[in-house]
Amino acid sequence: MINFVPSQINLLIHFWSRFCFSVAYGYSFIQLFVLFFMLEILSSDLHSRITFFEVNNKKILTPTLVPVVDPRDNIITPHEMKHTFGFNFLITSSYLYLKRYGMPNVHSPPIHQTLDFDGIVMMDSGAYQILAYGDVSISPLQSLELQSLVQTDIGVILDVPTPPSDSFDEAKNKMEQTIERIELSLDHVKTHDKTLWTLPIQGGKNVSLIDNYIQKVKEKNYLDYFSFYALGSVVPIMASYDYTTLFSMIHHARSNLPYHIPLHIFGAGHPMIFPFIVALGGDTFDSAAYILFAKDNRYMTSTGTLILDNIQEFPCDCEVCSKYTPQELRESPHNERIRALAAHNLHISSTEIKLIREAIRNGNLWELLEQRALSHPNLYQAFHVLTDLSKKGFFDIGTPITKSGGLKIYNHLSFDRPEFKIIRERILKNYQKNSESLYIYLLSGEKTPIELFNLNPELKDKLINHLSSADVSLFLPFFGVFPFELHETYPFSQFVFSNVIDSIILEKAIEVTINYIMKKGYSEIIILPAERKEKLNSIRDKLQDKLQMLDKVELNVYTSKEKSEED
């Protein structure tokens, strides 16, 4: 069974957010108890979490990559995977084991001995081979029996994959076949509890089928028999760079499944998408890309893939890239070249995982996502999935409201980050107006409010004086409007802004401001610049145009020449 090691400090810190999440998702008291006492969260950000879990007295820190290894033939051995590259969790294939060794028996060595690996071993059921090559000669019960006989730590029932080429009806039929296979597998799962059994999640690109699949599994009470979940059929979707569909699939799986059970993603191969998988709630994900790319002379980076023939200088200082020049590697013997490229690809993958965990600890995972979104046009296009989910509150569960460092604001992608969404909602809900009149002081964002007021204490005094007869708010182009009284609280004076005010971010900020005015019901609005900045004129004009469309609102607008509060 899987055991999460509790941390008393983090349990106290996270209890309230977990409680609210549990209530929102309709968890029972017992489920809440399990969530609270079983799930240690060392750090969290967005829908990600850093946790320890333990299988058969072997621990692993998540989120993590799970490299795919062959049961017998590996250029980089499983032993090296652990002791050279630091991977304590590997996955291999039941189908390939059967092909290499035949069906095991009670006298067969454990898979750990076969691999010469003492970490956690997961065995794929053979579904990937079905997805890649069509039907394979291994039955659901045979796959389960094989996994139990070789004493794998984590096993998987043989599901029926749903590739993107399937029609809706074909995918639905395969989804129903997988549910039938779950029922067929239950007796074995119940009687072989030394293995942690994985429930595969099917439905493919048809996310409504993923919802339907999980709902049916819940209705049949099948979830109770599985301590690991795994989303399948993503490899061809990633191969076609359809990241929008991939992100939607992960979201629908994670949001419909119990939070305290880890979610694995089958075949999530490239480092540049690791941060997105983690942010959406993926705890572990396997990949053979490190070796497949190497065999094709492809060199991974955190933002894409380079072809060895086209590289003049290695942009990396790993052991491989320090030992060889690109020309030397191109001229090296075939197997040596593949091994070297595979080792580099593993190094890059491992480094990216560590970078992601640090981003979670530091609370800047969203900023890493913004950077990685520029790695590929399709990733940038798919970023709207994240902003939409942020607006809907999907990321609220793991996002701390205050963080150890200030927020880095780049452009309109930063506008919908969950910290801002949560704070806007709290202001709308909790702030009580004290007047019918509202002053809106326009800030450029080049300086934080605290910096601005330190440079101009008279300005701060004027704003404080206004509070005796009106409400006072500040406007930041990347946030919108917020009460002056909050200007020292996080993150209103703890940020660095690029000062890139494009039409998208300004439109969003004005929309937030209009919504705030309407919700609070102000009848008089006074707009003033807080700085002598030419760009504030454009902000003022656009805000004025929108406010003039409101009924029963008296509007007074001042230019920097007429009434700048910096004078």
Protein backbone atom coordinates (compact mmCIF):
# COMPACT_ATOMS: atom_id res chain seq x y z
CA MET A 1 0.00 0.00 0.00
CA ILE A 2 0.99 3.61 -0.46
CA ASN A 3 1.89 5.57 2.65
CA PHE A 4 2.30 9.34 2.81
CA VAL A 5 4.57 10.50 5.61
CA PRO A 6 2.87 13.27 7.65
CA SER A 7 4.59 16.52 8.49
CA GLN A 8 3.00 18.23 11.46
CA ILE A 9 3.96 21.77 10.47
CA ASN A 10 2.78 21.45 6.90
CA LEU A 11 -0.39 19.68 7.95
CA LEU A 12 -1.32 22.67 10.09
CA ILE A 13 -0.44 25.12 7.33
CA HIS A 14 -2.44 23.29 4.69
CA PHE A 15 -5.37 22.01 6.72
CA TRP A 16 -7.68 24.93 6.11
CA SER A 17 -7.16 24.99 2.33
CA ARG A 18 -7.62 21.21 2.18
CA PHE A 19 -10.78 21.49 4.26
CA CYS A 20 -12.25 24.12 1.94
CA PHE A 21 -11.29 22.05 -1.08
CA SER A 22 -12.83 18.93 0.42
CA VAL A 23 -16.11 20.68 1.15
CA ALA A 24 -16.18 22.14 -2.34
CA TYR A 25 -15.62 18.72 -3.89
CA GLY A 26 -18.13 17.02 -1.63
CA TYR A 27 -15.74 14.82 0.32
CA SER A 28 -17.10 12.92 3.28
CA PHE A 29 -15.65 13.27 6.78
CA ILE A 30 -13.75 9.98 6.38
CA GLN A 31 -12.33 11.08 3.03
CA LEU A 32 -11.31 14.37 4.58
CA PHE A 33 -9.61 12.46 7.41
CA VAL A 34 -7.65 10.41 4.88
CA LEU A 35 -6.75 13.54 2.93
CA PHE A 36 -5.58 15.35 6.04
CA PHE A 37 -3.59 12.60 7.70
CA MET A 38 -2.25 10.63 4.73
CA LEU A 39 -1.19 13.36 2.35
CA GLU A 40 1.92 15.23 3.33
CA ILE A 41 2.39 18.34 1.27
CA LEU A 42 5.88 19.69 1.69
CA SER A 43 5.16 22.56 -0.71
CA SER A 44 2.43 23.42 -3.17
CA ASP A 45 1.75 25.86 -5.98
CA LEU A 46 -1.07 25.91 -8.53
CA HIS A 47 -2.42 22.31 -8.60
CA SER A 48 1.00 20.82 -7.96
CA ARG A 49 2.41 19.50 -4.72
CA ILE A 50 5.73 18.15 -3.53
CA THR A 51 5.09 14.97 -1.58
CA PHE A 52 6.76 11.81 -0.40
CA PHE A 53 5.09 8.52 -1.00
CA GLU A 54 6.26 5.12 0.03
CA VAL A 55 5.74 1.77 -1.68
CA ASN A 56 7.01 -1.41 -0.03
CA ASN A 57 9.30 0.62 2.25
CA LYS A 58 10.80 2.54 -0.69
CA LYS A 59 10.29 6.29 -0.85
CA ILE A 60 10.04 8.63 -3.79
CA LEU A 61 9.80 12.41 -3.91
CA THR A 62 7.22 13.74 -6.35
CA PRO A 63 6.67 15.26 -8.82
CA THR A 64 9.11 13.12 -10.73
CA LEU A 65 9.89 11.56 -14.08
CA VAL A 66 9.76 7.77 -14.31
CA PRO A 67 12.17 6.59 -17.02
CA VAL A 68 11.05 3.66 -19.15
CA VAL A 69 13.44 0.71 -19.28
CA ASP A 70 13.40 -2.53 -21.21
CA PRO A 71 13.12 -5.70 -19.07
CA ARG A 72 16.44 -6.90 -20.52
CA ASP A 73 18.16 -4.69 -23.10
CA ASN A 74 19.20 -1.21 -21.97
CA ILE A 75 21.98 1.05 -23.15
CA ILE A 76 21.79 2.80 -19.78
CA THR A 77 21.14 0.16 -17.14
CA PRO A 78 18.55 0.47 -14.37
CA HIS A 79 21.40 0.33 -11.86
CA GLU A 80 22.93 3.41 -13.51
CA MET A 81 19.53 5.09 -13.55
CA LYS A 82 19.56 5.13 -9.77
CA HIS A 83 23.20 5.54 -8.89
CA THR A 84 24.32 7.85 -11.70
CA PHE A 85 21.18 9.79 -12.59
CA GLY A 86 19.27 9.64 -9.30
CA PHE A 87 16.06 7.98 -10.52
CA ASN A 88 14.60 5.71 -7.83
CA PHE A 89 11.42 4.93 -9.77
CA LEU A 90 11.36 3.09 -13.12
CA ILE A 91 8.69 1.59 -15.35
CA THR A 92 8.98 -1.43 -17.61
CA SER A 93 6.57 -3.39 -19.80
CA SER A 94 4.71 -6.61 -19.02
CA TYR A 95 4.34 -7.26 -22.73
CA LEU A 96 8.07 -6.88 -23.37
CA TYR A 97 8.86 -9.05 -20.33
CA LEU A 98 6.64 -11.78 -21.80
CA LYS A 99 8.34 -11.37 -25.17
CA ARG A 100 11.86 -11.47 -23.68
CA TYR A 101 11.47 -14.15 -20.99
CA GLY A 102 8.13 -15.88 -21.47
CA MET A 103 5.51 -16.26 -18.76
CA PRO A 104 7.09 -16.31 -15.27
CA ASN A 105 6.22 -18.78 -12.53
CA VAL A 106 6.45 -18.81 -8.75
CA HIS A 107 10.18 -19.57 -8.98
CA SER A 108 10.98 -16.67 -11.30
CA PRO A 109 13.15 -13.90 -9.85
CA PRO A 110 11.51 -10.63 -8.86
CA ILE A 111 11.58 -7.89 -11.46
CA HIS A 112 14.00 -5.96 -9.23
CA GLN A 113 16.53 -8.77 -9.49
CA THR A 114 16.00 -9.06 -13.23
CA LEU A 115 16.65 -5.35 -13.65
CA ASP A 116 19.37 -5.14 -10.96
CA PHE A 117 17.45 -2.25 -9.44
CA ASP A 118 16.38 -1.87 -5.81
CA GLY A 119 14.09 1.14 -6.23
CA ILE A 120 10.39 1.29 -7.07
CA VAL A 121 9.36 -0.61 -10.19
CA MET A 122 6.11 -0.06 -12.04
CA MET A 123 5.00 -2.35 -14.86
CA ASP A 124 2.91 -1.19 -17.77
CA SER A 125 0.21 -3.68 -18.67
CA GLY A 126 0.95 -3.73 -22.41
CA ALA A 127 -1.55 -1.03 -23.31
CA TYR A 128 1.16 1.14 -24.86
CA GLN A 129 1.98 -1.61 -27.35
CA ILE A 130 -1.72 -1.79 -28.20
CA LEU A 131 -1.75 1.96 -28.76
CA ALA A 132 1.43 1.87 -30.87
CA TYR A 133 1.07 -1.38 -32.79
CA GLY A 134 -2.51 -2.55 -32.45
CA ASP A 135 -3.64 -5.58 -30.46
CA VAL A 136 -0.95 -7.64 -28.73
CA SER A 137 -0.83 -11.24 -27.57
CA ILE A 138 -1.34 -10.71 -23.86
CA SER A 139 -4.67 -10.99 -22.05
CA PRO A 140 -5.82 -8.81 -19.14
CA LEU A 141 -5.58 -11.63 -16.59
CA GLN A 142 -2.28 -12.86 -18.00
CA SER A 143 -0.83 -9.37 -17.64
CA LEU A 144 -1.99 -9.17 -14.01
CA GLU A 145 -0.64 -12.62 -13.20
CA LEU A 146 2.71 -11.79 -14.77
CA GLN A 147 3.03 -8.59 -12.75
CA SER A 148 2.20 -10.38 -9.51
CA LEU A 149 4.58 -13.25 -10.17
CA VAL A 150 7.54 -10.91 -10.70
CA GLN A 151 6.51 -8.88 -7.62
CA THR A 152 6.30 -5.48 -9.21
CA ASP A 153 5.73 -2.64 -6.75
CA ILE A 154 3.11 -0.88 -8.86
CA GLY A 155 0.97 -2.78 -11.34
CA VAL A 156 -1.49 -1.72 -14.02
CA ILE A 157 -4.54 -3.49 -15.39
CA LEU A 158 -4.65 -3.95 -19.16
CA ASP A 159 -6.91 -1.19 -20.47
CA VAL A 160 -8.00 -0.45 -24.03
CA PRO A 161 -6.35 2.75 -25.29
CA THR A 162 -8.32 5.42 -27.15
CA PRO A 163 -6.07 7.05 -29.78
CA PRO A 164 -7.04 10.47 -31.20
CA SER A 165 -7.90 8.86 -34.53
CA ASP A 166 -10.89 7.13 -32.91
CA SER A 167 -14.35 8.54 -33.50
CA PHE A 168 -16.41 9.45 -30.46
CA ASP A 169 -18.36 6.19 -30.68
CA GLU A 170 -15.19 4.13 -31.07
CA ALA A 171 -13.61 5.84 -28.07
CA LYS A 172 -16.77 5.33 -26.02
CA ASN A 173 -16.82 1.63 -26.89
CA LYS A 174 -13.17 1.24 -25.83
CA MET A 175 -13.86 3.17 -22.63
CA GLU A 176 -16.65 0.70 -21.82
CA GLN A 177 -14.33 -2.22 -22.60
CA THR A 178 -11.82 -0.84 -20.13
CA ILE A 179 -14.51 -0.65 -17.44
CA GLU A 180 -15.36 -4.30 -18.17
CA ARG A 181 -11.68 -5.18 -17.76
CA ILE A 182 -11.61 -3.42 -14.40
CA GLU A 183 -14.46 -5.65 -13.24
CA LEU A 184 -12.66 -8.68 -14.67
CA SER A 185 -9.49 -7.73 -12.78
CA LEU A 186 -11.00 -7.04 -9.36
CA ASP A 187 -10.65 -10.53 -7.91
CA HIS A 188 -6.95 -10.54 -8.73
CA VAL A 189 -6.46 -7.01 -7.41
CA LYS A 190 -8.20 -7.88 -4.14
CA THR A 191 -6.14 -11.00 -3.54
CA HIS A 192 -2.72 -9.59 -4.49
CA ASP A 193 -2.38 -6.62 -2.20
CA LYS A 194 1.42 -6.59 -2.06
CA THR A 195 1.25 -4.76 -5.35
CA LEU A 196 -0.09 -1.22 -5.48
CA TRP A 197 -2.59 -1.42 -8.34
CA THR A 198 -3.15 1.38 -10.83
CA LEU A 199 -6.49 2.41 -12.28
CA PRO A 200 -6.01 3.53 -15.89
CA ILE A 201 -8.04 6.55 -17.01
CA GLN A 202 -9.38 6.36 -20.56
CA GLY A 203 -11.48 8.48 -22.89
CA GLY A 204 -8.71 10.06 -24.92
CA LYS A 205 -9.18 13.45 -26.53
CA ASN A 206 -12.91 13.30 -25.79
CA VAL A 207 -12.73 14.83 -22.33
CA SER A 208 -16.45 14.27 -21.77
CA LEU A 209 -15.66 10.56 -21.99
CA ILE A 210 -12.98 10.96 -19.32
CA ASP A 211 -15.64 12.55 -17.10
CA ASN A 212 -18.10 9.78 -17.96
CA TYR A 213 -15.52 7.05 -17.39
CA ILE A 214 -14.56 8.29 -13.92
CA GLN A 215 -18.22 8.79 -12.98
CA LYS A 216 -19.04 5.19 -13.93
CA VAL A 217 -16.03 3.88 -12.04
CA LYS A 218 -17.15 5.83 -8.98
CA GLU A 219 -20.71 4.53 -9.27
CA LYS A 220 -19.39 0.97 -9.28
CA ASN A 221 -17.13 1.73 -6.26
CA TYR A 222 -14.06 0.61 -8.19
CA LEU A 223 -11.92 3.51 -6.96
CA ASP A 224 -11.62 1.90 -3.54
CA TYR A 225 -9.44 -0.90 -4.92
CA PHE A 226 -6.77 1.29 -6.50
CA SER A 227 -4.09 3.45 -4.88
CA PHE A 228 -2.66 4.95 -8.05
CA TYR A 229 -4.32 6.52 -11.09
CA ALA A 230 -2.81 6.85 -14.56
CA LEU A 231 -4.04 8.82 -17.56
CA GLY A 232 -3.45 7.01 -20.84
CA SER A 233 -3.59 7.62 -24.60
CA VAL A 234 -1.58 10.85 -24.48
CA VAL A 235 1.46 9.80 -26.57
CA PRO A 236 -0.03 10.42 -30.04
CA ILE A 237 -1.59 13.66 -28.81
CA MET A 238 1.80 14.91 -27.66
CA ALA A 239 3.44 13.67 -30.84
CA SER A 240 1.11 15.96 -32.81
CA TYR A 241 1.88 18.90 -30.46
CA ASP A 242 -1.79 19.11 -29.49
CA TYR A 243 -1.06 20.57 -26.08
CA THR A 244 -4.49 22.15 -25.74
CA THR A 245 -6.08 18.69 -25.77
CA LEU A 246 -3.36 17.25 -23.52
CA PHE A 247 -3.87 19.93 -20.88
CA SER A 248 -7.65 19.48 -21.00
CA MET A 249 -7.30 15.72 -20.57
CA ILE A 250 -5.08 16.09 -17.50
CA HIS A 251 -7.41 18.68 -15.99
CA HIS A 252 -10.51 16.53 -16.44
CA ALA A 253 -8.78 13.50 -14.95
CA ARG A 254 -7.32 15.32 -11.95
CA SER A 255 -10.44 17.34 -11.12
CA ASN A 256 -12.67 14.24 -11.08
CA LEU A 257 -10.39 12.01 -9.01
CA PRO A 258 -9.73 12.03 -5.24
CA TYR A 259 -6.96 14.47 -4.45
CA HIS A 260 -5.11 12.22 -2.02
CA ILE A 261 -4.30 9.59 -4.67
CA PRO A 262 -1.34 10.30 -7.00
CA LEU A 263 -1.99 10.83 -10.70
CA HIS A 264 0.45 9.36 -13.22
CA ILE A 265 0.62 10.41 -16.89
CA PHE A 266 1.64 7.67 -19.31
CA GLY A 267 4.20 8.66 -21.93
CA ALA A 268 4.66 12.35 -21.17
CA GLY A 269 7.99 12.66 -22.83
CA HIS A 270 9.61 16.08 -23.25
CA PRO A 271 11.07 18.32 -20.51
CA MET A 272 9.46 21.46 -21.95
CA ILE A 273 5.99 20.16 -21.03
CA PHE A 274 6.93 18.81 -17.58
CA PRO A 275 6.03 22.09 -15.79
CA PHE A 276 2.56 22.11 -17.36
CA ILE A 277 1.87 18.50 -16.44
CA VAL A 278 2.91 19.19 -12.85
CA ALA A 279 0.94 22.44 -12.61
CA LEU A 280 -2.20 20.61 -13.75
CA GLY A 281 -1.83 17.98 -11.04
CA GLY A 282 0.36 15.25 -12.51
CA ASP A 283 2.49 13.70 -9.76
CA THR A 284 4.51 11.26 -11.86
CA PHE A 285 4.96 10.71 -15.58
CA ASP A 286 6.93 8.14 -17.52
CA SER A 287 8.86 8.51 -20.74
CA ALA A 288 11.15 6.60 -23.06
CA ALA A 289 11.88 9.79 -25.01
CA TYR A 290 15.40 10.01 -23.58
CA ILE A 291 16.45 6.87 -25.49
CA LEU A 292 14.09 7.17 -28.47
CA PHE A 293 15.34 10.68 -29.19
CA ALA A 294 18.94 9.53 -28.78
CA LYS A 295 18.48 6.78 -31.37
CA ASP A 296 17.27 9.47 -33.76
CA ASN A 297 20.22 11.81 -32.99
CA ARG A 298 17.95 14.25 -31.18
CA TYR A 299 19.33 16.35 -28.34
CA MET A 300 16.88 17.57 -25.70
CA THR A 301 16.85 21.00 -24.12
CA SER A 302 14.39 22.39 -21.61
CA THR A 303 12.74 24.42 -24.38
CA GLY A 304 12.85 22.09 -27.37
CA THR A 305 14.89 19.60 -29.36
CA LEU A 306 18.04 20.06 -31.44
CA ILE A 307 19.31 17.76 -34.19
CA LEU A 308 22.86 16.64 -33.51
CA ASP A 309 23.93 17.29 -37.12
CA ASN A 310 22.97 20.95 -36.74
CA ILE A 311 24.67 21.68 -33.40
CA GLN A 312 27.90 23.69 -33.40
CA GLU A 313 28.19 24.11 -29.62
CA PHE A 314 26.49 22.17 -26.85
CA PRO A 315 24.39 24.57 -24.70
CA CYS A 316 24.90 22.37 -21.65
CA ASP A 317 27.64 21.52 -19.17
CA CYS A 318 26.60 17.99 -18.23
CA GLU A 319 29.23 15.25 -18.23
CA VAL A 320 28.46 14.30 -21.83
CA CYS A 321 28.51 17.85 -23.17
CA SER A 322 31.73 18.55 -21.30
CA LYS A 323 33.42 15.44 -22.66
CA TYR A 324 32.47 15.75 -26.34
CA THR A 325 32.22 18.46 -28.91
CA PRO A 326 29.25 18.05 -31.29
CA GLN A 327 31.64 17.02 -34.05
CA GLU A 328 33.32 14.43 -31.83
CA LEU A 329 29.96 12.98 -30.84
CA ARG A 330 28.83 12.82 -34.47
CA GLU A 331 31.97 10.87 -35.33
CA SER A 332 31.79 8.50 -32.35
CA PRO A 333 30.71 4.84 -32.75
CA HIS A 334 26.96 4.28 -33.08
CA ASN A 335 26.29 2.77 -29.64
CA GLU A 336 28.59 5.23 -27.89
CA ARG A 337 26.75 8.13 -29.53
CA ILE A 338 23.33 6.79 -28.56
CA ARG A 339 24.42 6.20 -24.99
CA ALA A 340 25.90 9.69 -24.72
CA LEU A 341 22.80 11.38 -26.14
CA ALA A 342 20.55 9.30 -23.89
CA ALA A 343 22.65 10.27 -20.87
CA HIS A 344 22.41 13.95 -21.80
CA ASN A 345 18.65 13.67 -22.33
CA LEU A 346 18.27 12.08 -18.90
CA HIS A 347 20.38 14.83 -17.37
CA ILE A 348 18.21 17.55 -18.93
CA SER A 349 15.04 15.76 -17.81
CA SER A 350 16.34 15.36 -14.25
CA THR A 351 17.45 19.00 -14.12
CA GLU A 352 14.03 20.18 -15.28
CA ILE A 353 12.30 18.14 -12.58
CA LYS A 354 14.53 19.71 -9.92
CA LEU A 355 13.87 23.16 -11.37
CA ILE A 356 10.11 22.52 -11.21
CA ARG A 357 10.29 21.41 -7.59
CA GLU A 358 12.26 24.54 -6.72
CA ALA A 359 9.66 26.66 -8.52
CA ILE A 360 6.97 25.01 -6.40
CA ARG A 361 8.92 25.64 -3.21
CA ASN A 362 9.50 29.28 -4.15
CA GLY A 363 5.94 29.84 -5.33
CA ASN A 364 6.87 30.87 -8.87
CA LEU A 365 5.64 27.92 -10.91
CA TRP A 366 3.31 30.19 -12.92
CA GLU A 367 6.33 32.27 -13.96
CA LEU A 368 8.11 29.11 -15.13
CA LEU A 369 5.01 28.22 -17.16
CA GLU A 370 5.05 31.65 -18.81
CA GLN A 371 8.68 31.14 -19.79
CA ARG A 372 8.13 27.62 -21.10
CA ALA A 373 5.02 28.71 -23.02
CA LEU A 374 7.36 30.61 -25.34
CA SER A 375 9.20 27.38 -26.19
CA HIS A 376 6.72 26.42 -28.89
CA PRO A 377 3.81 28.20 -30.62
CA ASN A 378 1.45 25.35 -29.70
CA LEU A 379 2.40 25.67 -26.04
CA TYR A 380 1.75 29.40 -26.19
CA GLN A 381 -1.60 28.72 -27.83
CA ALA A 382 -2.49 26.14 -25.16
CA PHE A 383 -1.72 28.58 -22.33
CA HIS A 384 -5.32 29.76 -22.54
CA VAL A 385 -6.31 26.44 -20.94
CA LEU A 386 -4.35 27.47 -17.85
CA THR A 387 -5.75 31.00 -17.73
CA ASP A 388 -9.29 29.64 -18.12
CA LEU A 389 -8.70 27.15 -15.31
CA SER A 390 -7.24 29.90 -13.14
CA LYS A 391 -10.39 31.98 -13.60
CA LYS A 392 -12.48 28.95 -12.59
CA GLY A 393 -10.46 28.40 -9.40
CA PHE A 394 -8.80 25.12 -10.38
CA PHE A 395 -5.42 26.33 -9.10
CA ASP A 396 -6.72 27.78 -5.83
CA ILE A 397 -6.11 24.56 -3.91
CA GLY A 398 -2.32 24.76 -3.89
CA THR A 399 -1.59 28.44 -4.47
CA PRO A 400 -0.38 30.33 -1.37
CA ILE A 401 -1.70 33.88 -1.13
CA THR A 402 1.60 35.18 0.23
CA LYS A 403 5.00 34.02 -0.94
CA SER A 404 8.62 34.48 0.01
CA GLY A 405 9.40 36.64 -3.02
CA GLY A 406 7.70 39.24 -5.14
CA LEU A 407 5.78 38.35 -8.28
CA LYS A 408 7.32 38.82 -11.71
CA ILE A 409 4.78 40.34 -14.08
CA TYR A 410 5.62 40.00 -17.77
CA ASN A 411 2.54 40.64 -19.90
CA HIS A 412 -1.11 39.67 -20.28
CA LEU A 413 -0.27 36.02 -19.47
CA SER A 414 0.47 37.18 -15.93
CA PHE A 415 -2.87 38.91 -15.49
CA ASP A 416 -4.85 35.75 -14.76
CA ARG A 417 -2.36 34.10 -12.44
CA PRO A 418 -4.27 32.52 -9.53
CA GLU A 419 -2.85 34.81 -6.83
CA PHE A 420 -4.49 37.77 -8.56
CA LYS A 421 -7.73 35.91 -9.18
CA ILE A 422 -8.02 34.91 -5.52
CA ILE A 423 -7.25 38.42 -4.26
CA ARG A 424 -9.73 40.06 -6.66
CA GLU A 425 -12.45 37.72 -5.44
CA ARG A 426 -11.64 38.43 -1.79
CA ILE A 427 -11.72 42.19 -2.35
CA LEU A 428 -15.10 41.98 -4.08
CA LYS A 429 -16.47 39.78 -1.32
CA ASN A 430 -14.99 41.36 1.79
CA TYR A 431 -14.31 45.03 1.14
CA GLN A 432 -17.15 47.26 2.34
CA LYS A 433 -17.44 50.69 0.77
CA ASN A 434 -17.66 53.69 3.11
CA SER A 435 -18.77 56.30 0.60
CA GLU A 436 -20.64 56.76 -2.67
CA SER A 437 -17.53 58.44 -4.11
CA LEU A 438 -14.43 56.60 -5.29
CA TYR A 439 -11.05 58.08 -6.13
CA ILE A 440 -9.06 56.01 -8.64
CA TYR A 441 -5.37 56.89 -8.73
CA LEU A 442 -3.63 55.58 -11.84
CA LEU A 443 -0.20 53.96 -11.40
CA SER A 444 2.10 52.90 -14.22
CA GLY A 445 3.53 49.90 -12.38
CA GLU A 446 7.11 51.08 -12.91
CA LYS A 447 7.31 51.56 -9.14
CA THR A 448 5.42 49.74 -6.43
CA PRO A 449 3.00 51.85 -4.36
CA ILE A 450 5.38 51.74 -1.39
CA GLU A 451 8.27 52.95 -3.55
CA LEU A 452 6.11 55.71 -4.99
CA PHE A 453 4.87 56.90 -1.60
CA ASN A 454 8.39 56.80 -0.14
CA LEU A 455 9.51 59.12 -2.92
CA ASN A 456 6.46 61.32 -2.52
CA PRO A 457 5.10 61.18 1.06
CA GLU A 458 2.86 64.19 0.32
CA LEU A 459 0.98 62.07 -2.19
CA LYS A 460 0.31 59.41 0.44
CA ASP A 461 -0.89 62.08 2.88
CA LYS A 462 -3.36 63.41 0.29
CA LEU A 463 -4.77 59.94 -0.29
CA ILE A 464 -5.16 59.39 3.44
CA ASN A 465 -6.97 62.72 3.73
CA HIS A 466 -9.38 61.70 0.97
CA LEU A 467 -10.45 58.72 3.08
CA SER A 468 -12.40 61.03 5.39
CA SER A 469 -14.89 61.80 2.63
CA ALA A 470 -14.49 59.09 -0.02
CA ASP A 471 -13.09 55.67 -0.79
CA VAL A 472 -9.65 55.64 -2.39
CA SER A 473 -8.29 53.01 -4.75
CA LEU A 474 -5.15 52.43 -6.79
CA PHE A 475 -5.05 51.15 -10.35
CA LEU A 476 -2.25 48.91 -11.62
CA PRO A 477 -2.28 47.99 -15.34
CA PHE A 478 -1.60 44.31 -14.65
CA PHE A 479 -4.20 43.96 -11.88
CA GLY A 480 -6.95 46.55 -12.10
CA VAL A 481 -8.23 48.51 -9.12
CA PHE A 482 -7.78 47.72 -5.41
CA PRO A 483 -8.39 49.63 -2.14
CA PHE A 484 -5.64 52.04 -1.13
CA GLU A 485 -5.67 50.51 2.37
CA LEU A 486 -4.19 47.30 0.90
CA HIS A 487 -1.23 48.88 -0.86
CA GLU A 488 1.31 47.52 1.64
CA THR A 489 -0.10 43.99 1.60
CA TYR A 490 1.14 41.19 -0.62
CA PRO A 491 1.46 41.40 -3.60
CA PHE A 492 0.55 45.03 -4.30
CA SER A 493 3.97 46.33 -3.30
CA GLN A 494 5.91 43.11 -3.87
CA PHE A 495 6.27 42.81 -7.63
CA VAL A 496 8.48 43.55 -10.60
CA PHE A 497 6.60 44.64 -13.74
CA SER A 498 8.00 44.59 -17.27
CA ASN A 499 6.08 47.80 -18.04
CA VAL A 500 4.73 46.16 -21.18
CA ILE A 501 1.16 47.49 -21.26
CA ASP A 502 -0.41 45.92 -24.33
CA SER A 503 -4.03 46.25 -25.37
CA ILE A 504 -4.94 42.84 -23.92
CA ILE A 505 -3.65 43.47 -20.41
CA LEU A 506 -5.15 46.96 -20.31
CA GLU A 507 -8.53 45.73 -21.49
CA LYS A 508 -8.51 43.08 -18.76
CA ALA A 509 -7.51 45.61 -16.07
CA ILE A 510 -10.26 48.01 -17.12
CA GLU A 511 -12.80 45.18 -17.14
CA VAL A 512 -11.83 44.31 -13.54
CA THR A 513 -12.16 47.98 -12.57
CA ILE A 514 -15.60 48.37 -14.15
CA ASN A 515 -16.77 45.20 -12.43
CA TYR A 516 -15.49 46.50 -9.08
CA ILE A 517 -17.32 49.83 -9.50
CA MET A 518 -20.57 48.13 -10.48
CA LYS A 519 -20.42 45.54 -7.69
CA LYS A 520 -19.79 48.20 -5.05
CA GLY A 521 -22.36 50.60 -6.51
CA TYR A 522 -20.38 53.84 -6.53
CA SER A 523 -22.20 56.87 -7.92
CA GLU A 524 -19.20 59.20 -8.32
CA ILE A 525 -15.81 58.31 -9.78
CA ILE A 526 -12.80 60.64 -9.70
CA ILE A 527 -9.84 59.56 -11.83
CA LEU A 528 -6.41 61.09 -11.22
CA PRO A 529 -2.85 60.21 -12.22
CA ALA A 530 -0.51 59.39 -9.36
CA GLU A 531 2.60 59.85 -11.51
CA ARG A 532 3.78 62.05 -14.35
CA LYS A 533 3.75 59.31 -17.00
CA GLU A 534 2.63 59.77 -20.57
CA LYS A 535 1.31 56.21 -20.69
CA LEU A 536 -1.21 57.07 -17.97
CA ASN A 537 -3.02 59.33 -20.45
CA SER A 538 -3.87 56.35 -22.62
CA ILE A 539 -5.01 54.36 -19.59
CA ARG A 540 -7.12 57.29 -18.40
CA ASP A 541 -8.77 57.75 -21.82
CA LYS A 542 -9.66 54.08 -22.19
CA LEU A 543 -11.00 53.87 -18.64
CA GLN A 544 -12.99 57.06 -19.17
CA ASP A 545 -14.58 55.69 -22.35
CA LYS A 546 -15.78 52.60 -20.50
CA LEU A 547 -17.01 54.48 -17.45
CA GLN A 548 -19.06 56.89 -19.56
CA MET A 549 -21.17 53.94 -20.62
CA LEU A 550 -22.32 53.32 -17.03
CA ASP A 551 -25.67 54.69 -15.92
CA LYS A 552 -26.04 56.77 -12.76
CA VAL A 553 -22.30 57.30 -12.35
CA GLU A 554 -20.89 60.83 -12.21
CA LEU A 555 -17.41 60.90 -13.72
CA ASN A 556 -14.64 63.43 -13.06
CA VAL A 557 -11.36 62.96 -14.91
CA TYR A 558 -8.17 64.96 -14.44
CA THR A 559 -5.10 65.03 -16.66
CA SER A 560 -1.57 65.11 -15.30
CA LYS A 561 -1.34 68.79 -16.19
CA GLU A 562 -4.61 69.66 -14.50
CA LYS A 563 -4.25 67.80 -11.25
CA SER A 564 -1.33 65.43 -10.91
CA GLU A 565 -1.01 64.28 -7.34
CA GLU A 566 2.76 64.27 -7.80
CA ASP A 567 2.75 68.08 -7.99
